[in-house]
PDB file of all heavy atoms in Angstrom:
ATOM      1  N   SER A   1       0.837  -1.198   0.003  1.00  0.00           N
ATOM      2  CA  SER A   1       0.009   0.005  -0.013  1.00  0.00           C
ATOM      3  C   SER A   1       0.863   1.254   0.013  1.00  0.00           C
ATOM      4  O   SER A   1       1.901   1.249   0.629  1.00  0.00           O
ATOM      5  CB  SER A   1      -0.912   0.031   1.219  1.00  0.00           C
ATOM      6  OG  SER A   1      -1.793  -1.065   1.219  1.00  0.00           O
ATOM      7  N   THR A   2       0.407   2.265  -0.694  1.00  0.00           N
ATOM      8  CA  THR A   2       1.190   3.495  -0.856  1.00  0.00           C
ATOM      9  C   THR A   2       0.435   4.717  -0.422  1.00  0.00           C
ATOM     10  O   THR A   2      -0.819   4.743  -0.481  1.00  0.00           O
ATOM     11  CB  THR A   2       1.695   3.641  -2.309  1.00  0.00           C
ATOM     12  OG1 THR A   2       0.570   3.551  -3.217  1.00  0.00           O
ATOM     13  CG2 THR A   2       2.699   2.566  -2.665  1.00  0.00           C
ATOM     14  N   TYR A   3       1.199   5.735  -0.053  1.00  0.00           N
ATOM     15  CA  TYR A   3       0.573   6.982   0.374  1.00  0.00           C
ATOM     16  C   TYR A   3       1.437   8.119  -0.246  1.00  0.00           C
ATOM     17  O   TYR A   3       2.671   7.989  -0.302  1.00  0.00           O
ATOM     18  CB  TYR A   3       0.631   7.092   1.904  1.00  0.00           C
ATOM     19  CG  TYR A   3       0.121   5.877   2.569  1.00  0.00           C
ATOM     20  CD1 TYR A   3       0.945   4.791   2.850  1.00  0.00           C
ATOM     21  CD2 TYR A   3      -1.209   5.772   2.925  1.00  0.00           C
ATOM     22  CE1 TYR A   3       0.464   3.605   3.419  1.00  0.00           C
ATOM     23  CE2 TYR A   3      -1.724   4.632   3.562  1.00  0.00           C
ATOM     24  CZ  TYR A   3      -0.836   3.555   3.779  1.00  0.00           C
ATOM     25  OH  TYR A   3      -1.345   2.419   4.379  1.00  0.00           O
ATOM     26  N   TYR A   4       0.810   9.199  -0.678  1.00  0.00           N
ATOM     27  CA  TYR A   4       1.518  10.249  -1.364  1.00  0.00           C
ATOM     28  C   TYR A   4       1.169  11.634  -0.841  1.00  0.00           C
ATOM     29  O   TYR A   4       0.048  11.870  -0.395  1.00  0.00           O
ATOM     30  CB  TYR A   4       1.160  10.217  -2.890  1.00  0.00           C
ATOM     31  CG  TYR A   4       1.604   8.938  -3.567  1.00  0.00           C
ATOM     32  CD1 TYR A   4       0.668   7.892  -3.716  1.00  0.00           C
ATOM     33  CD2 TYR A   4       2.892   8.743  -4.022  1.00  0.00           C
ATOM     34  CE1 TYR A   4       1.043   6.716  -4.340  1.00  0.00           C
ATOM     35  CE2 TYR A   4       3.267   7.568  -4.626  1.00  0.00           C
ATOM     36  CZ  TYR A   4       2.352   6.585  -4.781  1.00  0.00           C
ATOM     37  OH  TYR A   4       2.701   5.408  -5.404  1.00  0.00           O
ATOM     38  N   ALA A   5       2.122  12.520  -0.938  1.00  0.00           N
ATOM     39  CA  ALA A   5       1.837  13.941  -0.700  1.00  0.00           C
ATOM     40  C   ALA A   5       0.995  14.417  -1.851  1.00  0.00           C
ATOM     41  O   ALA A   5       1.139  14.036  -2.998  1.00  0.00           O
ATOM     42  CB  ALA A   5       3.149  14.717  -0.618  1.00  0.00           C
ATOM     43  N   ASP A   6       0.158  15.413  -1.546  1.00  0.00           N
ATOM     44  CA  ASP A   6      -0.697  15.989  -2.617  1.00  0.00           C
ATOM     45  C   ASP A   6       0.099  16.568  -3.737  1.00  0.00           C
ATOM     46  O   ASP A   6      -0.322  16.525  -4.914  1.00  0.00           O
ATOM     47  CB  ASP A   6      -1.620  17.070  -1.999  1.00  0.00           C
ATOM     48  CG  ASP A   6      -2.703  16.435  -1.106  1.00  0.00           C
ATOM     49  OD1 ASP A   6      -2.985  15.276  -1.202  1.00  0.00           O
ATOM     50  OD2 ASP A   6      -3.270  17.254  -0.323  1.00  0.00           O
ATOM     51  N   SER A   7       1.279  17.082  -3.449  1.00  0.00           N
ATOM     52  CA  SER A   7       2.065  17.759  -4.443  1.00  0.00           C
ATOM     53  C   SER A   7       2.598  16.800  -5.507  1.00  0.00           C
ATOM     54  O   SER A   7       3.052  17.262  -6.607  1.00  0.00           O
ATOM     55  CB  SER A   7       3.220  18.507  -3.787  1.00  0.00           C
ATOM     56  OG  SER A   7       4.063  17.603  -3.070  1.00  0.00           O
ATOM     57  N   VAL A   8       2.657  15.513  -5.244  1.00  0.00           N
ATOM     58  CA  VAL A   8       3.189  14.569  -6.185  1.00  0.00           C
ATOM     59  C   VAL A   8       2.214  13.540  -6.624  1.00  0.00           C
ATOM     60  O   VAL A   8       2.458  12.726  -7.538  1.00  0.00           O
ATOM     61  CB  VAL A   8       4.444  13.802  -5.584  1.00  0.00           C
ATOM     62  CG1 VAL A   8       5.457  14.841  -5.066  1.00  0.00           C
ATOM     63  CG2 VAL A   8       4.033  12.836  -4.490  1.00  0.00           C
ATOM     64  N   LYS A   9       1.032  13.547  -6.061  1.00  0.00           N
ATOM     65  CA  LYS A   9       0.010  12.548  -6.379  1.00  0.00           C
ATOM     66  C   LYS A   9      -0.371  12.639  -7.865  1.00  0.00           C
ATOM     67  O   LYS A   9      -0.555  13.694  -8.414  1.00  0.00           O
ATOM     68  CB  LYS A   9      -1.243  12.810  -5.502  1.00  0.00           C
ATOM     69  CG  LYS A   9      -2.166  11.621  -5.347  1.00  0.00           C
ATOM     70  CD  LYS A   9      -3.236  11.925  -4.298  1.00  0.00           C
ATOM     71  CE  LYS A   9      -2.686  12.009  -2.929  1.00  0.00           C
ATOM     72  NZ  LYS A   9      -3.712  12.277  -1.886  1.00  0.00           N
ATOM     73  N   GLY A  10      -0.360  11.466  -8.489  1.00  0.00           N
ATOM     74  CA  GLY A  10      -0.672  11.423  -9.947  1.00  0.00           C
ATOM     75  C   GLY A  10       0.574  11.549 -10.781  1.00  0.00           C
ATOM     76  O   GLY A  10       0.504  11.278 -12.010  1.00  0.00           O
ATOM     77  N   ARG A  11       1.694  11.973 -10.212  1.00  0.00           N
ATOM     78  CA  ARG A  11       2.947  12.106 -10.991  1.00  0.00           C
ATOM     79  C   ARG A  11       3.987  11.121 -10.559  1.00  0.00           C
ATOM     80  O   ARG A  11       4.770  10.618 -11.367  1.00  0.00           O
ATOM     81  CB  ARG A  11       3.503  13.518 -10.862  1.00  0.00           C
ATOM     82  CG  ARG A  11       2.599  14.581 -11.387  1.00  0.00           C
ATOM     83  CD  ARG A  11       3.273  15.980 -11.437  1.00  0.00           C
ATOM     84  NE  ARG A  11       3.706  16.416 -10.055  1.00  0.00           N
ATOM     85  CZ  ARG A  11       4.927  16.698  -9.757  1.00  0.00           C
ATOM     86  NH1 ARG A  11       5.909  16.635 -10.630  1.00  0.00           N
ATOM     87  NH2 ARG A  11       5.221  17.123  -8.509  1.00  0.00           N
ATOM     88  N   PHE A  12       4.015  10.818  -9.240  1.00  0.00           N
ATOM     89  CA  PHE A  12       5.034   9.929  -8.678  1.00  0.00           C
ATOM     90  C   PHE A  12       4.374   8.603  -8.288  1.00  0.00           C
ATOM     91  O   PHE A  12       3.224   8.556  -7.840  1.00  0.00           O
ATOM     92  CB  PHE A  12       5.669  10.531  -7.415  1.00  0.00           C
ATOM     93  CG  PHE A  12       6.555  11.740  -7.673  1.00  0.00           C
ATOM     94  CD1 PHE A  12       6.619  12.338  -8.889  1.00  0.00           C
ATOM     95  CD2 PHE A  12       7.322  12.191  -6.621  1.00  0.00           C
ATOM     96  CE1 PHE A  12       7.419  13.481  -9.098  1.00  0.00           C
ATOM     97  CE2 PHE A  12       8.145  13.309  -6.799  1.00  0.00           C
ATOM     98  CZ  PHE A  12       8.204  13.932  -8.055  1.00  0.00           C
ATOM     99  N   THR A  13       5.128   7.494  -8.445  1.00  0.00           N
ATOM    100  CA  THR A  13       4.647   6.185  -8.055  1.00  0.00           C
ATOM    101  C   THR A  13       5.699   5.481  -7.258  1.00  0.00           C
ATOM    102  O   THR A  13       6.885   5.364  -7.665  1.00  0.00           O
ATOM    103  CB  THR A  13       4.294   5.325  -9.265  1.00  0.00           C
ATOM    104  OG1 THR A  13       3.298   6.037 -10.060  1.00  0.00           O
ATOM    105  CG2 THR A  13       3.745   3.956  -8.884  1.00  0.00           C
ATOM    106  N   CYS A  14       5.337   5.024  -6.081  1.00  0.00           N
ATOM    107  CA  CYS A  14       6.232   4.284  -5.153  1.00  0.00           C
ATOM    108  C   CYS A  14       5.899   2.823  -5.281  1.00  0.00           C
ATOM    109  O   CYS A  14       4.741   2.435  -5.255  1.00  0.00           O
ATOM    110  CB  CYS A  14       6.024   4.820  -3.780  1.00  0.00           C
ATOM    111  SG  CYS A  14       7.205   4.211  -2.562  1.00  0.00           S
ATOM    112  N   SER A  15       6.945   2.030  -5.379  1.00  0.00           N
ATOM    113  CA  SER A  15       6.764   0.573  -5.515  1.00  0.00           C
ATOM    114  C   SER A  15       7.911  -0.149  -4.840  1.00  0.00           C
ATOM    115  O   SER A  15       8.898   0.489  -4.433  1.00  0.00           O
ATOM    116  CB  SER A  15       6.641   0.162  -6.925  1.00  0.00           C
ATOM    117  OG  SER A  15       7.812   0.444  -7.679  1.00  0.00           O
ATOM    118  N   ARG A  16       7.825  -1.471  -4.727  1.00  0.00           N
ATOM    119  CA  ARG A  16       8.958  -2.196  -4.172  1.00  0.00           C
ATOM    120  C   ARG A  16       9.063  -3.590  -4.829  1.00  0.00           C
ATOM    121  O   ARG A  16       8.131  -4.085  -5.421  1.00  0.00           O
ATOM    122  CB  ARG A  16       8.810  -2.385  -2.632  1.00  0.00           C
ATOM    123  CG  ARG A  16       8.059  -3.656  -2.183  1.00  0.00           C
ATOM    124  CD  ARG A  16       6.615  -3.422  -2.092  1.00  0.00           C
ATOM    125  NE  ARG A  16       5.924  -4.520  -1.450  1.00  0.00           N
ATOM    126  CZ  ARG A  16       5.085  -5.375  -1.998  1.00  0.00           C
ATOM    127  NH1 ARG A  16       4.858  -5.255  -3.312  1.00  0.00           N
ATOM    128  NH2 ARG A  16       4.440  -6.273  -1.315  1.00  0.00           N
ATOM    129  N   ASP A  17      10.287  -4.082  -4.795  1.00  0.00           N
ATOM    130  CA  ASP A  17      10.577  -5.391  -5.295  1.00  0.00           C
ATOM    131  C   ASP A  17      11.090  -6.208  -4.126  1.00  0.00           C
ATOM    132  O   ASP A  17      12.242  -6.010  -3.655  1.00  0.00           O
ATOM    133  CB  ASP A  17      11.622  -5.347  -6.422  1.00  0.00           C
ATOM    134  CG  ASP A  17      11.915  -6.673  -7.055  1.00  0.00           C
ATOM    135  OD1 ASP A  17      11.714  -7.733  -6.373  1.00  0.00           O
ATOM    136  OD2 ASP A  17      12.323  -6.726  -8.228  1.00  0.00           O
ATOM    137  N   ASN A  18      10.265  -7.107  -3.612  1.00  0.00           N
ATOM    138  CA  ASN A  18      10.650  -7.860  -2.406  1.00  0.00           C
ATOM    139  C   ASN A  18      11.857  -8.736  -2.655  1.00  0.00           C
ATOM    140  O   ASN A  18      12.653  -8.919  -1.741  1.00  0.00           O
ATOM    141  CB  ASN A  18       9.446  -8.743  -1.965  1.00  0.00           C
ATOM    142  CG  ASN A  18       8.372  -7.956  -1.354  1.00  0.00           C
ATOM    143  OD1 ASN A  18       8.576  -6.817  -0.932  1.00  0.00           O
ATOM    144  ND2 ASN A  18       7.161  -8.513  -1.268  1.00  0.00           N
ATOM    145  N   THR A  19      11.993  -9.243  -3.885  1.00  0.00           N
ATOM    146  CA  THR A  19      13.092 -10.142  -4.164  1.00  0.00           C
ATOM    147  C   THR A  19      14.451  -9.413  -4.109  1.00  0.00           C
ATOM    148  O   THR A  19      15.486 -10.051  -3.860  1.00  0.00           O
ATOM    149  CB  THR A  19      12.910 -10.816  -5.528  1.00  0.00           C
ATOM    150  OG1 THR A  19      12.947  -9.806  -6.533  1.00  0.00           O
ATOM    151  CG2 THR A  19      11.577 -11.577  -5.605  1.00  0.00           C
ATOM    152  N   LYS A  20      14.416  -8.130  -4.381  1.00  0.00           N
ATOM    153  CA  LYS A  20      15.642  -7.366  -4.372  1.00  0.00           C
ATOM    154  C   LYS A  20      15.740  -6.439  -3.142  1.00  0.00           C
ATOM    155  O   LYS A  20      16.704  -5.703  -3.000  1.00  0.00           O
ATOM    156  CB  LYS A  20      15.703  -6.484  -5.637  1.00  0.00           C
ATOM    157  CG  LYS A  20      15.786  -7.254  -6.940  1.00  0.00           C
ATOM    158  CD  LYS A  20      15.837  -6.329  -8.118  1.00  0.00           C
ATOM    159  CE  LYS A  20      15.915  -7.095  -9.428  1.00  0.00           C
ATOM    160  NZ  LYS A  20      15.993  -6.193 -10.610  1.00  0.00           N
ATOM    161  N   ASN A  21      14.740  -6.510  -2.292  1.00  0.00           N
ATOM    162  CA  ASN A  21      14.706  -5.661  -1.084  1.00  0.00           C
ATOM    163  C   ASN A  21      14.924  -4.176  -1.471  1.00  0.00           C
ATOM    164  O   ASN A  21      15.696  -3.469  -0.846  1.00  0.00           O
ATOM    165  CB  ASN A  21      15.759  -6.085  -0.100  1.00  0.00           C
ATOM    166  CG  ASN A  21      15.151  -6.436   1.274  1.00  0.00           C
ATOM    167  OD1 ASN A  21      13.990  -6.761   1.377  1.00  0.00           O
ATOM    168  ND2 ASN A  21      15.943  -6.374   2.315  1.00  0.00           N
ATOM    169  N   THR A  22      14.256  -3.750  -2.502  1.00  0.00           N
ATOM    170  CA  THR A  22      14.467  -2.428  -3.061  1.00  0.00           C
ATOM    171  C   THR A  22      13.132  -1.720  -3.217  1.00  0.00           C
ATOM    172  O   THR A  22      12.146  -2.308  -3.712  1.00  0.00           O
ATOM    173  CB  THR A  22      15.229  -2.479  -4.380  1.00  0.00           C
ATOM    174  OG1 THR A  22      16.524  -3.080  -4.168  1.00  0.00           O
ATOM    175  CG2 THR A  22      15.410  -1.124  -5.010  1.00  0.00           C
ATOM    176  N   MET A  23      13.127  -0.424  -2.916  1.00  0.00           N
ATOM    177  CA  MET A  23      11.934   0.407  -3.108  1.00  0.00           C
ATOM    178  C   MET A  23      12.311   1.398  -4.228  1.00  0.00           C
ATOM    179  O   MET A  23      13.459   1.807  -4.374  1.00  0.00           O
ATOM    180  CB  MET A  23      11.604   1.184  -1.810  1.00  0.00           C
ATOM    181  CG  MET A  23      10.505   2.182  -1.972  1.00  0.00           C
ATOM    182  SD  MET A  23      10.023   2.960  -0.419  1.00  0.00           S
ATOM    183  CE  MET A  23      11.486   3.929  -0.032  1.00  0.00           C
ATOM    184  N   TYR A  24      11.290   1.761  -4.973  1.00  0.00           N
ATOM    185  CA  TYR A  24      11.504   2.659  -6.129  1.00  0.00           C
ATOM    186  C   TYR A  24      10.591   3.885  -5.987  1.00  0.00           C
ATOM    187  O   TYR A  24       9.532   3.814  -5.402  1.00  0.00           O
ATOM    188  CB  TYR A  24      11.219   1.916  -7.466  1.00  0.00           C
ATOM    189  CG  TYR A  24      12.048   0.707  -7.660  1.00  0.00           C
ATOM    190  CD1 TYR A  24      11.529  -0.529  -7.361  1.00  0.00           C
ATOM    191  CD2 TYR A  24      13.353   0.799  -8.123  1.00  0.00           C
ATOM    192  CE1 TYR A  24      12.274  -1.717  -7.542  1.00  0.00           C
ATOM    193  CE2 TYR A  24      14.119  -0.322  -8.314  1.00  0.00           C
ATOM    194  CZ  TYR A  24      13.604  -1.558  -8.009  1.00  0.00           C
ATOM    195  OH  TYR A  24      14.333  -2.697  -8.194  1.00  0.00           O
ATOM    196  N   LEU A  25      10.989   4.946  -6.605  1.00  0.00           N
ATOM    197  CA  LEU A  25      10.132   6.113  -6.760  1.00  0.00           C
ATOM    198  C   LEU A  25      10.237   6.552  -8.230  1.00  0.00           C
ATOM    199  O   LEU A  25      11.260   7.100  -8.677  1.00  0.00           O
ATOM    200  CB  LEU A  25      10.586   7.272  -5.866  1.00  0.00           C
ATOM    201  CG  LEU A  25       9.631   8.478  -5.863  1.00  0.00           C
ATOM    202  CD1 LEU A  25       8.273   8.098  -5.260  1.00  0.00           C
ATOM    203  CD2 LEU A  25      10.246   9.617  -5.121  1.00  0.00           C
ATOM    204  N   GLN A  26       9.152   6.238  -8.979  1.00  0.00           N
ATOM    205  CA  GLN A  26       9.094   6.638 -10.376  1.00  0.00           C
ATOM    206  C   GLN A  26       8.528   8.057 -10.400  1.00  0.00           C
ATOM    207  O   GLN A  26       7.423   8.299  -9.902  1.00  0.00           O
ATOM    208  CB  GLN A  26       8.221   5.667 -11.173  1.00  0.00           C
ATOM    209  CG  GLN A  26       8.001   6.109 -12.622  1.00  0.00           C
ATOM    210  CD  GLN A  26       9.349   6.041 -13.418  1.00  0.00           C
ATOM    211  OE1 GLN A  26      10.086   5.087 -13.291  1.00  0.00           O
ATOM    212  NE2 GLN A  26       9.579   7.027 -14.237  1.00  0.00           N
ATOM    213  N   MET A  27       9.268   8.971 -10.918  1.00  0.00           N
ATOM    214  CA  MET A  27       8.881  10.383 -10.979  1.00  0.00           C
ATOM    215  C   MET A  27       8.646  10.814 -12.401  1.00  0.00           C
ATOM    216  O   MET A  27       9.576  10.831 -13.184  1.00  0.00           O
ATOM    217  CB  MET A  27       9.924  11.246 -10.283  1.00  0.00           C
ATOM    218  CG  MET A  27      10.274  10.784  -8.874  1.00  0.00           C
ATOM    219  SD  MET A  27      11.404  11.890  -8.030  1.00  0.00           S
ATOM    220  CE  MET A  27      12.888  11.752  -9.029  1.00  0.00           C
ATOM    221  N   ASN A  28       7.398  11.140 -12.719  1.00  0.00           N
ATOM    222  CA  ASN A  28       7.037  11.608 -14.094  1.00  0.00           C
ATOM    223  C   ASN A  28       6.575  13.062 -14.033  1.00  0.00           C
ATOM    224  O   ASN A  28       6.254  13.557 -12.953  1.00  0.00           O
ATOM    225  CB  ASN A  28       5.946  10.736 -14.640  1.00  0.00           C
ATOM    226  CG  ASN A  28       6.380   9.263 -14.799  1.00  0.00           C
ATOM    227  OD1 ASN A  28       7.540   8.985 -15.033  1.00  0.00           O
ATOM    228  ND2 ASN A  28       5.419   8.380 -14.678  1.00  0.00           N
ATOM    229  N   SER A  29       6.561  13.682 -15.184  1.00  0.00           N
ATOM    230  CA  SER A  29       6.098  15.039 -15.334  1.00  0.00           C
ATOM    231  C   SER A  29       6.745  15.967 -14.295  1.00  0.00           C
ATOM    232  O   SER A  29       6.119  16.709 -13.574  1.00  0.00           O
ATOM    233  CB  SER A  29       4.577  15.139 -15.118  1.00  0.00           C
ATOM    234  OG  SER A  29       3.924  14.299 -16.082  1.00  0.00           O
ATOM    235  N   LEU A  30       8.074  15.806 -14.209  1.00  0.00           N
ATOM    236  CA  LEU A  30       8.804  16.565 -13.217  1.00  0.00           C
ATOM    237  C   LEU A  30       8.769  18.064 -13.416  1.00  0.00           C
ATOM    238  O   LEU A  30       8.723  18.540 -14.569  1.00  0.00           O
ATOM    239  CB  LEU A  30      10.266  16.081 -13.167  1.00  0.00           C
ATOM    240  CG  LEU A  30      10.507  14.785 -12.484  1.00  0.00           C
ATOM    241  CD1 LEU A  30      11.818  14.129 -12.871  1.00  0.00           C
ATOM    242  CD2 LEU A  30      10.418  14.949 -10.964  1.00  0.00           C
ATOM    243  N   LYS A  31       8.757  18.776 -12.329  1.00  0.00           N
ATOM    244  CA  LYS A  31       8.706  20.254 -12.346  1.00  0.00           C
ATOM    245  C   LYS A  31       9.899  20.824 -11.638  1.00  0.00           C
ATOM    246  O   LYS A  31      10.518  20.156 -10.805  1.00  0.00           O
ATOM    247  CB  LYS A  31       7.422  20.720 -11.567  1.00  0.00           C
ATOM    248  CG  LYS A  31       6.116  20.112 -12.065  1.00  0.00           C
ATOM    249  CD  LYS A  31       4.984  20.530 -11.186  1.00  0.00           C
ATOM    250  CE  LYS A  31       3.685  19.898 -11.640  1.00  0.00           C
ATOM    251  NZ  LYS A  31       2.553  20.273 -10.760  1.00  0.00           N
ATOM    252  N   PRO A  32      10.279  22.051 -11.964  1.00  0.00           N
ATOM    253  CA  PRO A  32      11.419  22.675 -11.307  1.00  0.00           C
ATOM    254  C   PRO A  32      11.276  22.638  -9.755  1.00  0.00           C
ATOM    255  O   PRO A  32      12.305  22.513  -9.027  1.00  0.00           O
ATOM    256  CB  PRO A  32      11.454  24.074 -11.832  1.00  0.00           C
ATOM    257  CG  PRO A  32      10.820  23.956 -13.200  1.00  0.00           C
ATOM    258  CD  PRO A  32       9.774  22.923 -13.051  1.00  0.00           C
ATOM    259  N   GLU A  33      10.062  22.754  -9.277  1.00  0.00           N
ATOM    260  CA  GLU A  33       9.856  22.735  -7.803  1.00  0.00           C
ATOM    261  C   GLU A  33      10.084  21.367  -7.193  1.00  0.00           C
ATOM    262  O   GLU A  33      10.052  21.231  -5.955  1.00  0.00           O
ATOM    263  CB  GLU A  33       8.473  23.295  -7.458  1.00  0.00           C
ATOM    264  CG  GLU A  33       7.326  22.625  -8.194  1.00  0.00           C
ATOM    265  CD  GLU A  33       6.877  23.443  -9.406  1.00  0.00           C
ATOM    266  OE1 GLU A  33       7.796  23.936 -10.120  1.00  0.00           O
ATOM    267  OE2 GLU A  33       5.652  23.558  -9.610  1.00  0.00           O
ATOM    268  N   ASP A  34      10.301  20.330  -7.993  1.00  0.00           N
ATOM    269  CA  ASP A  34      10.671  19.014  -7.482  1.00  0.00           C
ATOM    270  C   ASP A  34      12.144  18.910  -7.164  1.00  0.00           C
ATOM    271  O   ASP A  34      12.562  17.877  -6.644  1.00  0.00           O
ATOM    272  CB  ASP A  34      10.294  17.915  -8.484  1.00  0.00           C
ATOM    273  CG  ASP A  34       8.759  17.819  -8.668  1.00  0.00           C
ATOM    274  OD1 ASP A  34       8.006  17.900  -7.703  1.00  0.00           O
ATOM    275  OD2 ASP A  34       8.356  17.641  -9.851  1.00  0.00           O
ATOM    276  N   THR A  35      12.902  19.920  -7.562  1.00  0.00           N
ATOM    277  CA  THR A  35      14.340  19.921  -7.299  1.00  0.00           C
ATOM    278  C   THR A  35      14.598  19.815  -5.803  1.00  0.00           C
ATOM    279  O   THR A  35      14.084  20.650  -5.019  1.00  0.00           O
ATOM    280  CB  THR A  35      14.997  21.164  -7.870  1.00  0.00           C
ATOM    281  OG1 THR A  35      14.871  21.184  -9.311  1.00  0.00           O
ATOM    282  CG2 THR A  35      16.453  21.241  -7.484  1.00  0.00           C
ATOM    283  N   ALA A  36      15.388  18.854  -5.385  1.00  0.00           N
ATOM    284  CA  ALA A  36      15.685  18.603  -4.003  1.00  0.00           C
ATOM    285  C   ALA A  36      16.632  17.427  -3.860  1.00  0.00           C
ATOM    286  O   ALA A  36      16.882  16.718  -4.834  1.00  0.00           O
ATOM    287  CB  ALA A  36      14.388  18.316  -3.205  1.00  0.00           C
ATOM    288  N   VAL A  37      17.057  17.213  -2.644  1.00  0.00           N
ATOM    289  CA  VAL A  37      17.739  15.970  -2.285  1.00  0.00           C
ATOM    290  C   VAL A  37      16.705  15.019  -1.780  1.00  0.00           C
ATOM    291  O   VAL A  37      15.981  15.339  -0.835  1.00  0.00           O
ATOM    292  CB  VAL A  37      18.873  16.187  -1.237  1.00  0.00           C
ATOM    293  CG1 VAL A  37      19.426  14.846  -0.796  1.00  0.00           C
ATOM    294  CG2 VAL A  37      19.958  17.062  -1.781  1.00  0.00           C
ATOM    295  N   TYR A  38      16.617  13.838  -2.394  1.00  0.00           N
ATOM    296  CA  TYR A  38      15.611  12.868  -2.041  1.00  0.00           C
ATOM    297  C   TYR A  38      16.273  11.784  -1.194  1.00  0.00           C
ATOM    298  O   TYR A  38      17.327  11.245  -1.564  1.00  0.00           O
ATOM    299  CB  TYR A  38      15.015  12.260  -3.309  1.00  0.00           C
ATOM    300  CG  TYR A  38      14.056  13.140  -3.993  1.00  0.00           C
ATOM    301  CD1 TYR A  38      14.489  14.282  -4.684  1.00  0.00           C
ATOM    302  CD2 TYR A  38      12.661  12.920  -3.987  1.00  0.00           C
ATOM    303  CE1 TYR A  38      13.598  15.161  -5.309  1.00  0.00           C
ATOM    304  CE2 TYR A  38      11.765  13.741  -4.626  1.00  0.00           C
ATOM    305  CZ  TYR A  38      12.232  14.852  -5.253  1.00  0.00           C
ATOM    306  OH  TYR A  38      11.354  15.705  -5.881  1.00  0.00           O
ATOM    307  N   SER A  39      15.606  11.458  -0.062  1.00  0.00           N
ATOM    308  CA  SER A  39      16.128  10.448   0.824  1.00  0.00           C
ATOM    309  C   SER A  39      15.041   9.379   1.100  1.00  0.00           C
ATOM    310  O   SER A  39      13.867   9.767   1.233  1.00  0.00           O
ATOM    311  CB  SER A  39      16.589  11.077   2.134  1.00  0.00           C
ATOM    312  OG  SER A  39      17.589  12.057   1.963  1.00  0.00           O
ATOM    313  N   CYS A  40      15.495   8.183   1.237  1.00  0.00           N
ATOM    314  CA  CYS A  40      14.583   7.123   1.674  1.00  0.00           C
ATOM    315  C   CYS A  40      14.799   6.855   3.132  1.00  0.00           C
ATOM    316  O   CYS A  40      15.870   7.126   3.684  1.00  0.00           O
ATOM    317  CB  CYS A  40      14.678   5.860   0.814  1.00  0.00           C
ATOM    318  SG  CYS A  40      16.261   4.962   0.959  1.00  0.00           S
ATOM    319  N   ALA A  41      13.757   6.382   3.759  1.00  0.00           N
ATOM    320  CA  ALA A  41      13.786   6.129   5.211  1.00  0.00           C
ATOM    321  C   ALA A  41      13.010   4.875   5.527  1.00  0.00           C
ATOM    322  O   ALA A  41      12.136   4.437   4.768  1.00  0.00           O
ATOM    323  CB  ALA A  41      13.213   7.318   5.961  1.00  0.00           C
ATOM    324  N   ALA A  42      13.292   4.290   6.681  1.00  0.00           N
ATOM    325  CA  ALA A  42      12.621   3.088   7.105  1.00  0.00           C
ATOM    326  C   ALA A  42      12.323   3.084   8.570  1.00  0.00           C
ATOM    327  O   ALA A  42      13.076   3.690   9.409  1.00  0.00           O
ATOM    328  CB  ALA A  42      13.464   1.862   6.771  1.00  0.00           C
ATOM    329  N   HIS A  43      11.190   2.457   8.934  1.00  0.00           N
ATOM    330  CA  HIS A  43      10.850   2.235  10.348  1.00  0.00           C
ATOM    331  C   HIS A  43      10.313   0.834  10.428  1.00  0.00           C
ATOM    332  O   HIS A  43       9.415   0.468   9.679  1.00  0.00           O
ATOM    333  CB  HIS A  43       9.800   3.248  10.778  1.00  0.00           C
ATOM    334  CG  HIS A  43       9.304   2.976  12.168  1.00  0.00           C
ATOM    335  ND1 HIS A  43       9.989   3.350  13.272  1.00  0.00           N
ATOM    336  CD2 HIS A  43       8.170   2.387  12.582  1.00  0.00           C
ATOM    337  CE1 HIS A  43       9.317   2.943  14.353  1.00  0.00           C
ATOM    338  NE2 HIS A  43       8.166   2.368  13.932  1.00  0.00           N
TER     339      HIS A  43
END
């Protein structure tokens, strides 16, 4: 299950591959305001 900030909803997609223990963030229709350092986190 995924949850998104309103600012990226419909443009970004978060997914994971259990076999690779990897999470992805597919970012489409990028805007200049998306410029940032992106970090992943876990709990």
